[in-house]
């Protein structure tokens, strides 16, 4: 309940979380901190989110820190 109230209050002021699991890597929204070889998804697909990012009125205030897939 506390978490939901916190997220609701953030969205009230225009702050949205970036949680890009299984999306294509975008350097404008994400910060790659590692690469993981895998054959289960295409290259440049985000396989892990280490830290969520945030947008304020559609502008990045903190990029999401992610691990990106690469070909094995």
N, C-alpha and C. Protein backbone atom coordinates (compact mmCIF):
# COMPACT_ATOMS: atom_id res chain seq x y z
N UNK A 1 0.82 -1.19 0.00
CA UNK A 1 0.00 0.00 0.00
C UNK A 1 0.87 1.26 0.00
N UNK A 2 1.93 1.24 0.78
CA UNK A 2 2.84 2.39 0.82
C UNK A 2 3.51 2.60 -0.52
N UNK A 3 3.95 1.51 -1.14
CA UNK A 3 4.60 1.61 -2.45
C UNK A 3 3.64 2.17 -3.49
N UNK A 4 2.39 1.71 -3.50
CA UNK A 4 1.40 2.20 -4.45
C UNK A 4 1.14 3.69 -4.24
N UNK A 5 1.05 4.12 -3.01
CA UNK A 5 0.85 5.55 -2.72
C UNK A 5 2.04 6.38 -3.19
N UNK A 6 3.25 5.84 -3.02
CA UNK A 6 4.45 6.54 -3.47
C UNK A 6 4.45 6.68 -4.98
N UNK A 7 4.17 5.60 -5.72
CA UNK A 7 4.14 5.64 -7.19
C UNK A 7 3.03 6.57 -7.66
N UNK A 8 1.88 6.55 -7.01
CA UNK A 8 0.78 7.45 -7.38
C UNK A 8 1.15 8.92 -7.18
N UNK A 9 1.85 9.21 -6.10
CA UNK A 9 2.26 10.60 -5.87
C UNK A 9 3.32 11.04 -6.87
N UNK A 10 4.21 10.13 -7.28
CA UNK A 10 5.19 10.47 -8.31
C UNK A 10 4.50 10.75 -9.64
N UNK A 11 3.55 9.91 -10.02
CA UNK A 11 2.86 10.10 -11.30
C UNK A 11 2.01 11.37 -11.28
N UNK A 12 1.55 11.78 -10.12
CA UNK A 12 0.77 13.02 -10.00
C UNK A 12 1.59 14.23 -10.41
N UNK A 13 2.90 14.17 -10.18
CA UNK A 13 3.78 15.27 -10.55
C UNK A 13 4.52 15.03 -11.87
N UNK A 14 4.12 14.02 -12.62
CA UNK A 14 4.68 13.78 -13.95
C UNK A 14 5.92 12.92 -13.97
N UNK A 15 6.24 12.21 -12.89
CA UNK A 15 7.42 11.34 -12.84
C UNK A 15 6.97 9.92 -13.13
N UNK A 16 7.62 9.30 -14.14
CA UNK A 16 7.29 7.93 -14.54
C UNK A 16 8.53 7.06 -14.46
N UNK A 17 8.40 5.82 -13.96
CA UNK A 17 9.56 4.92 -13.91
C UNK A 17 9.86 4.33 -15.30
N UNK A 18 11.13 4.05 -15.54
CA UNK A 18 11.58 3.36 -16.75
C UNK A 18 11.99 1.96 -16.31
N UNK A 19 11.26 0.95 -16.75
CA UNK A 19 11.58 -0.45 -16.43
C UNK A 19 11.57 -1.22 -17.75
N UNK A 20 12.69 -1.21 -18.49
CA UNK A 20 12.71 -1.65 -19.89
C UNK A 20 13.04 -3.12 -20.15
N UNK A 21 12.62 -4.03 -19.32
CA UNK A 21 12.97 -5.44 -19.52
C UNK A 21 12.40 -5.93 -20.85
N UNK A 22 13.20 -6.67 -21.62
CA UNK A 22 12.87 -7.22 -22.94
C UNK A 22 12.59 -6.17 -24.00
N UNK A 23 13.10 -4.96 -23.83
CA UNK A 23 13.01 -3.93 -24.85
C UNK A 23 14.38 -3.79 -25.52
N UNK A 24 14.40 -3.12 -26.67
CA UNK A 24 15.66 -2.85 -27.36
C UNK A 24 16.40 -1.73 -26.63
N UNK A 25 17.71 -1.86 -26.53
CA UNK A 25 18.55 -0.88 -25.85
C UNK A 25 18.47 0.47 -26.57
N UNK A 26 18.22 1.52 -25.82
CA UNK A 26 18.18 2.88 -26.33
C UNK A 26 19.11 3.72 -25.47
N UNK A 27 20.24 4.20 -26.00
CA UNK A 27 21.20 4.94 -25.18
C UNK A 27 20.67 6.26 -24.63
N UNK A 28 19.55 6.76 -25.17
CA UNK A 28 18.98 7.98 -24.64
C UNK A 28 18.20 7.74 -23.35
N UNK A 29 17.76 6.48 -23.13
CA UNK A 29 16.97 6.15 -21.95
C UNK A 29 17.67 5.19 -21.00
N UNK A 30 18.68 4.48 -21.51
CA UNK A 30 19.30 3.40 -20.73
C UNK A 30 20.81 3.60 -20.64
N UNK A 31 21.38 3.07 -19.57
CA UNK A 31 22.83 3.06 -19.38
C UNK A 31 23.25 1.60 -19.25
N UNK A 32 23.99 1.11 -20.24
CA UNK A 32 24.43 -0.29 -20.21
C UNK A 32 25.62 -0.42 -19.26
N UNK A 33 25.49 -1.32 -18.30
CA UNK A 33 26.59 -1.55 -17.37
C UNK A 33 27.20 -2.92 -17.56
N UNK A 34 26.68 -3.68 -18.52
CA UNK A 34 27.22 -4.99 -18.80
C UNK A 34 26.55 -5.64 -19.98
N UNK A 35 27.20 -6.70 -20.48
CA UNK A 35 26.63 -7.49 -21.58
C UNK A 35 26.64 -8.94 -21.17
N UNK A 36 25.61 -9.66 -21.59
CA UNK A 36 25.47 -11.07 -21.22
C UNK A 36 25.25 -11.88 -22.49
N UNK A 37 26.10 -12.87 -22.77
CA UNK A 37 25.88 -13.70 -23.96
C UNK A 37 24.69 -14.63 -23.76
N UNK A 38 23.76 -14.59 -24.70
CA UNK A 38 22.59 -15.45 -24.63
C UNK A 38 22.03 -15.67 -26.03
N UNK A 39 21.47 -16.85 -26.25
CA UNK A 39 20.86 -17.17 -27.54
C UNK A 39 19.34 -17.12 -27.46
N UNK A 40 18.79 -16.80 -26.29
CA UNK A 40 17.35 -16.80 -26.09
C UNK A 40 16.66 -15.54 -26.60
N UNK A 41 17.38 -14.42 -26.69
CA UNK A 41 16.83 -13.17 -27.21
C UNK A 41 17.79 -12.58 -28.23
N UNK A 42 17.31 -11.60 -29.01
CA UNK A 42 18.15 -10.95 -30.01
C UNK A 42 19.20 -10.08 -29.33
N UNK A 43 20.27 -9.81 -30.05
CA UNK A 43 21.31 -8.92 -29.55
C UNK A 43 20.71 -7.52 -29.34
N UNK A 44 21.27 -6.77 -28.41
CA UNK A 44 20.83 -5.43 -28.03
C UNK A 44 19.47 -5.40 -27.35
N UNK A 45 19.04 -6.53 -26.80
CA UNK A 45 17.82 -6.58 -26.02
C UNK A 45 18.20 -6.56 -24.54
N UNK A 46 17.46 -5.83 -23.76
CA UNK A 46 17.74 -5.71 -22.33
C UNK A 46 17.26 -6.97 -21.63
N UNK A 47 18.18 -7.64 -20.91
CA UNK A 47 17.83 -8.88 -20.22
C UNK A 47 17.68 -8.69 -18.71
N UNK A 48 18.32 -7.68 -18.14
CA UNK A 48 18.21 -7.41 -16.70
C UNK A 48 18.17 -5.90 -16.47
N UNK A 49 17.39 -5.50 -15.52
CA UNK A 49 17.36 -4.11 -15.08
C UNK A 49 17.98 -4.07 -13.69
N UNK A 50 19.11 -3.40 -13.58
CA UNK A 50 19.80 -3.30 -12.31
C UNK A 50 19.18 -2.18 -11.46
N UNK A 51 18.88 -1.04 -12.11
CA UNK A 51 18.29 0.08 -11.40
C UNK A 51 17.30 0.78 -12.34
N UNK A 52 16.07 0.98 -11.89
CA UNK A 52 15.08 1.65 -12.70
C UNK A 52 15.48 3.09 -12.95
N UNK A 53 15.06 3.59 -14.09
CA UNK A 53 15.27 5.00 -14.40
C UNK A 53 13.96 5.75 -14.21
N UNK A 54 14.03 7.08 -14.38
CA UNK A 54 12.84 7.89 -14.21
C UNK A 54 12.78 8.99 -15.26
N UNK A 55 11.56 9.29 -15.69
CA UNK A 55 11.27 10.37 -16.62
C UNK A 55 10.47 11.43 -15.88
N UNK A 56 10.77 12.69 -16.14
CA UNK A 56 10.00 13.80 -15.61
C UNK A 56 9.46 14.57 -16.80
N UNK A 57 8.16 14.48 -17.00
CA UNK A 57 7.52 15.13 -18.16
C UNK A 57 8.19 14.73 -19.47
N UNK A 58 8.44 13.43 -19.61
CA UNK A 58 9.04 12.80 -20.79
C UNK A 58 10.50 13.19 -21.02
N UNK A 59 11.19 13.68 -20.00
CA UNK A 59 12.62 13.94 -20.05
C UNK A 59 13.30 13.06 -19.02
N UNK A 60 14.47 12.53 -19.38
CA UNK A 60 15.18 11.60 -18.49
C UNK A 60 15.81 12.37 -17.34
N UNK A 61 15.47 11.95 -16.11
CA UNK A 61 16.16 12.52 -14.95
C UNK A 61 17.15 11.51 -14.38
N UNK A 62 16.94 10.23 -14.67
CA UNK A 62 17.92 9.19 -14.34
C UNK A 62 17.72 8.04 -15.31
N UNK A 63 18.77 7.69 -16.08
CA UNK A 63 18.63 6.56 -17.01
C UNK A 63 18.57 5.23 -16.26
N UNK A 64 17.91 4.27 -16.86
CA UNK A 64 17.84 2.93 -16.28
C UNK A 64 19.18 2.24 -16.51
N UNK A 65 19.72 1.61 -15.49
CA UNK A 65 20.97 0.85 -15.61
C UNK A 65 20.61 -0.59 -15.91
N UNK A 66 21.15 -1.09 -17.05
CA UNK A 66 20.68 -2.36 -17.58
C UNK A 66 21.85 -3.25 -18.02
N UNK A 67 21.53 -4.55 -18.19
CA UNK A 67 22.44 -5.52 -18.79
C UNK A 67 21.83 -5.89 -20.14
N UNK A 68 22.67 -5.83 -21.18
CA UNK A 68 22.21 -6.02 -22.55
C UNK A 68 22.69 -7.37 -23.07
N UNK A 69 21.84 -8.02 -23.88
CA UNK A 69 22.20 -9.31 -24.47
C UNK A 69 23.15 -9.12 -25.64
N UNK A 70 24.04 -10.10 -25.83
CA UNK A 70 24.89 -10.13 -27.01
C UNK A 70 24.91 -11.55 -27.53
N UNK A 71 25.32 -11.72 -28.78
CA UNK A 71 25.35 -13.04 -29.39
C UNK A 71 26.39 -13.91 -28.67
N UNK A 72 26.08 -15.22 -28.50
CA UNK A 72 27.04 -16.09 -27.79
C UNK A 72 28.27 -16.38 -28.62
